[in-house]
């Protein structure tokens, strides 16, 4: 009767080699693998060379792809320069001579809120030291529909609290208000107008050279 041969996996070592790789501990009678055997056995489980794994483990990040506004058009009314006596806009228009600017719905308007005060005094603070201007200085928003959701106020070189009366009036027009110094207000307007659109954001800015009682020059 023909002898039956047992199939052996290709990865199994021949018996002669296996016997040579084993040694018997005379003290315990146990079979002990050589020290190099565990490392060799562990290495056989990896199908990718070590150097290749190290090169591909690090994630590749395209930082340019994170700028979601990179291809967005810059609004024509975005503020390029805050000058001491006015503003330079992206459209090329300039507001100078100490005037402020009102940016609404993609249009720019010269804004001199102090002229609405009695005697046209160049003052924007009330007796309490709060920033306050007559309500009619925001009359343009009564003609705009839909009105912007947010009005950004740039109060000049410094940020100050506005009067509760003025805040309530702006709220009655259906707008939220954010109060900043003019440099930060212009930067915030540029960002939000690009991100959200010109219909949702408006700005009212006083020149950074403004001095109470003297105006901007």
Protein backbone atom coordinates (compact mmCIF):
# COMPACT_ATOMS: atom_id res chain seq x y z
CA UNK A 1 0.00 0.00 0.00
CA UNK A 2 1.40 3.35 -1.05
CA UNK A 3 2.37 5.64 1.77
CA UNK A 4 0.29 8.78 2.24
CA UNK A 5 2.30 11.98 2.29
CA UNK A 6 1.14 14.89 4.38
CA UNK A 7 0.88 18.25 2.60
CA UNK A 8 3.03 20.88 4.24
CA UNK A 9 2.35 24.67 4.02
CA UNK A 10 4.91 26.55 2.00
CA UNK A 11 5.79 28.72 4.98
CA UNK A 12 6.46 25.76 7.28
CA UNK A 13 10.16 25.07 7.82
CA UNK A 14 11.48 21.56 6.97
CA UNK A 15 11.75 19.24 9.92
CA UNK A 16 15.54 19.08 9.68
CA UNK A 17 15.82 22.85 9.87
CA UNK A 18 13.26 22.99 12.66
CA UNK A 19 15.21 20.46 14.69
CA UNK A 20 18.38 22.48 14.26
CA UNK A 21 16.61 25.68 15.33
CA UNK A 22 15.43 24.08 18.60
CA UNK A 23 17.48 23.31 21.67
CA UNK A 24 16.60 21.34 24.77
CA UNK A 25 17.03 22.84 28.18
CA UNK A 26 18.65 20.15 30.28
CA UNK A 27 17.52 21.84 33.44
CA UNK A 28 13.79 21.87 32.64
CA UNK A 29 13.47 19.46 29.77
CA UNK A 30 11.58 22.12 27.80
CA UNK A 31 12.13 23.05 24.19
CA UNK A 32 13.36 26.63 23.81
CA UNK A 33 13.35 28.70 20.60
CA UNK A 34 16.53 30.63 19.75
CA UNK A 35 16.49 34.35 20.61
CA UNK A 36 16.30 35.40 16.96
CA UNK A 37 13.20 33.30 16.30
CA UNK A 38 10.56 35.69 17.77
CA UNK A 39 11.87 38.63 15.75
CA UNK A 40 11.90 36.56 12.58
CA UNK A 41 8.41 35.26 13.28
CA UNK A 42 7.06 38.77 13.98
CA UNK A 43 8.64 40.17 10.83
CA UNK A 44 6.86 37.58 8.71
CA UNK A 45 3.46 39.09 9.62
CA UNK A 46 4.23 42.46 7.92
CA UNK A 47 3.60 42.63 4.18
CA UNK A 48 4.89 46.22 3.75
CA UNK A 49 8.60 47.04 4.14
CA UNK A 50 9.33 49.10 7.26
CA UNK A 51 10.86 52.03 5.38
CA UNK A 52 7.84 52.26 3.10
CA UNK A 53 5.43 52.24 6.05
CA UNK A 54 7.30 55.12 7.69
CA UNK A 55 7.09 57.24 4.53
CA UNK A 56 3.36 56.72 4.04
CA UNK A 57 2.28 57.03 7.69
CA UNK A 58 2.50 60.85 7.77
CA UNK A 59 -0.73 62.52 6.50
CA UNK A 60 -0.37 64.91 3.60
CA UNK A 61 -2.28 68.22 4.12
CA UNK A 62 -2.85 70.82 1.43
CA UNK A 63 -3.09 74.06 3.44
CA UNK A 64 -4.25 75.97 0.40
CA UNK A 65 -7.38 73.85 0.22
CA UNK A 66 -8.36 75.05 3.70
CA UNK A 67 -8.87 78.62 2.46
CA UNK A 68 -12.50 78.38 1.39
CA UNK A 69 -12.62 82.08 0.41
CA UNK A 70 -9.58 81.95 -1.88
CA UNK A 71 -11.70 82.05 -5.06
CA UNK A 72 -14.43 84.36 -3.71
CA UNK A 73 -14.60 87.76 -5.43
CA UNK A 74 -13.58 90.73 -3.28
CA UNK A 75 -16.53 93.15 -2.77
CA UNK A 76 -16.11 96.53 -4.45
CA UNK A 77 -16.90 98.25 -1.16
CA UNK A 78 -14.29 96.38 0.87
CA UNK A 79 -11.94 98.77 2.66
CA UNK A 80 -8.37 98.72 1.36
CA UNK A 81 -6.98 101.62 3.41
CA UNK A 82 -8.06 103.30 6.64
CA UNK A 83 -6.51 106.75 6.32
CA UNK A 84 -6.47 109.33 9.13
CA UNK A 85 -8.95 111.48 7.20
CA UNK A 86 -10.95 108.89 5.29
CA UNK A 87 -11.00 105.59 3.42
CA UNK A 88 -9.83 103.98 0.17
CA UNK A 89 -12.15 101.29 -1.19
CA UNK A 90 -11.43 98.29 -3.40
CA UNK A 91 -13.41 99.88 -6.24
CA UNK A 92 -10.91 102.75 -6.37
CA UNK A 93 -13.30 105.21 -4.73
CA UNK A 94 -11.92 107.40 -1.95
CA UNK A 95 -13.68 109.15 0.91
CA UNK A 96 -11.43 111.92 2.22
CA UNK A 97 -11.59 115.29 3.92
CA UNK A 98 -12.36 113.89 7.37
CA UNK A 99 -15.66 112.25 6.37
CA UNK A 100 -16.85 108.85 7.50
CA UNK A 101 -18.33 106.23 5.21
CA UNK A 102 -21.53 104.20 5.22
CA UNK A 103 -21.33 100.86 3.35
CA UNK A 104 -24.75 99.42 2.51
CA UNK A 105 -25.84 96.91 -0.13
CA UNK A 106 -22.68 97.24 -2.20
CA UNK A 107 -22.84 101.05 -2.22
CA UNK A 108 -20.70 103.62 -0.40
CA UNK A 109 -22.04 106.88 1.01
CA UNK A 110 -20.25 109.81 2.65
CA UNK A 111 -21.29 109.82 6.32
CA UNK A 112 -20.92 112.82 8.65
CA UNK A 113 -23.12 112.01 11.66
CA UNK A 114 -21.85 114.98 13.71
CA UNK A 115 -23.50 117.41 11.27
CA UNK A 116 -26.89 116.37 12.67
CA UNK A 117 -25.97 117.78 16.08
CA UNK A 118 -27.02 121.29 17.06
CA UNK A 119 -24.38 123.70 15.79
CA UNK A 120 -22.76 120.84 13.80
CA UNK A 121 -20.23 120.33 16.59
CA UNK A 122 -17.61 117.75 15.84
CA UNK A 123 -18.54 115.62 18.81
CA UNK A 124 -19.69 112.00 18.97
CA UNK A 125 -19.81 111.49 22.74
CA UNK A 126 -22.69 112.42 25.02
CA UNK A 127 -22.41 113.88 28.51
CA UNK A 128 -21.93 110.37 29.92
CA UNK A 129 -18.94 109.66 27.70
CA UNK A 130 -20.95 107.18 25.59
CA UNK A 131 -20.78 107.17 21.80
CA UNK A 132 -24.08 108.57 20.55
CA UNK A 133 -25.33 110.16 17.33
CA UNK A 134 -28.80 111.41 16.33
CA UNK A 135 -31.17 108.74 15.06
CA UNK A 136 -31.62 110.45 11.71
CA UNK A 137 -28.00 109.68 10.84
CA UNK A 138 -29.18 106.10 10.17
CA UNK A 139 -32.16 107.24 8.09
CA UNK A 140 -30.80 105.51 4.98
CA UNK A 141 -31.66 102.12 6.50
CA UNK A 142 -35.33 103.10 6.45
CA UNK A 143 -35.12 103.10 2.64
CA UNK A 144 -33.33 99.76 2.27
CA UNK A 145 -35.22 96.47 2.01
CA UNK A 146 -34.38 93.85 2.98
CA UNK A 147 -32.23 95.47 5.62
CA UNK A 148 -28.82 94.05 6.54
CA UNK A 149 -28.78 91.58 9.39
CA UNK A 150 -25.67 93.11 10.97
CA UNK A 151 -24.38 96.67 11.28
CA UNK A 152 -20.69 97.05 12.13
CA UNK A 153 -19.83 100.36 13.79
CA UNK A 154 -16.25 101.63 13.61
CA UNK A 155 -15.96 104.41 16.18
CA UNK A 156 -12.58 105.82 15.19
CA UNK A 157 -9.18 105.11 16.79
CA UNK A 158 -10.70 103.68 19.98
CA UNK A 159 -13.56 101.38 20.86
CA UNK A 160 -16.16 102.80 23.23
CA UNK A 161 -19.56 101.72 24.55
CA UNK A 162 -22.50 103.17 22.63
CA UNK A 163 -25.51 104.65 24.35
CA UNK A 164 -28.45 102.32 25.21
CA UNK A 165 -30.75 104.63 23.21
CA UNK A 166 -28.70 104.22 20.06
CA UNK A 167 -28.50 100.46 20.53
CA UNK A 168 -32.28 100.25 20.90
CA UNK A 169 -32.79 102.37 17.78
CA UNK A 170 -30.55 100.13 15.67
CA UNK A 171 -32.35 97.09 17.06
CA UNK A 172 -35.72 98.65 16.13
CA UNK A 173 -34.51 98.72 12.52
CA UNK A 174 -34.14 94.93 12.66
CA UNK A 175 -30.33 94.89 12.78
CA UNK A 176 -27.80 93.54 15.21
CA UNK A 177 -24.85 95.80 15.99
CA UNK A 178 -21.17 95.06 16.52
CA UNK A 179 -19.04 97.87 17.94
CA UNK A 180 -15.27 98.04 17.28
CA UNK A 181 -12.50 100.53 16.63
CA UNK A 182 -12.39 101.45 12.96
CA UNK A 183 -9.40 99.32 11.92
CA UNK A 184 -10.94 96.15 13.32
CA UNK A 185 -14.40 97.13 12.09
CA UNK A 186 -13.11 97.50 8.52
CA UNK A 187 -11.37 94.12 8.68
CA UNK A 188 -14.50 92.48 10.08
CA UNK A 189 -16.65 94.05 7.37
CA UNK A 190 -14.29 92.87 4.62
CA UNK A 191 -14.38 89.31 5.93
CA UNK A 192 -18.13 89.06 6.50
CA UNK A 193 -19.07 90.86 3.28
CA UNK A 194 -16.98 88.33 1.35
CA UNK A 195 -18.26 85.37 3.33
CA UNK A 196 -21.96 86.25 3.72
CA UNK A 197 -22.61 88.77 0.97
CA UNK A 198 -23.15 92.51 0.76
CA UNK A 199 -26.87 92.34 1.51
CA UNK A 200 -26.38 90.82 4.97
CA UNK A 201 -23.68 93.12 6.35
CA UNK A 202 -23.37 96.91 6.54
CA UNK A 203 -20.76 99.18 8.09
CA UNK A 204 -20.65 102.73 9.43
CA UNK A 205 -17.07 103.92 9.91
CA UNK A 206 -15.47 107.01 11.45
CA UNK A 207 -11.90 107.90 10.29
CA UNK A 208 -9.07 106.66 12.49
CA UNK A 209 -7.75 110.22 12.85
CA UNK A 210 -10.88 111.40 14.67
CA UNK A 211 -10.36 113.62 17.69
CA UNK A 212 -13.33 114.65 19.79
CA UNK A 213 -14.12 118.32 19.24
CA UNK A 214 -11.70 118.62 16.32
CA UNK A 215 -12.78 115.98 13.82
CA UNK A 216 -10.47 114.03 11.52
CA UNK A 217 -7.75 115.52 9.40
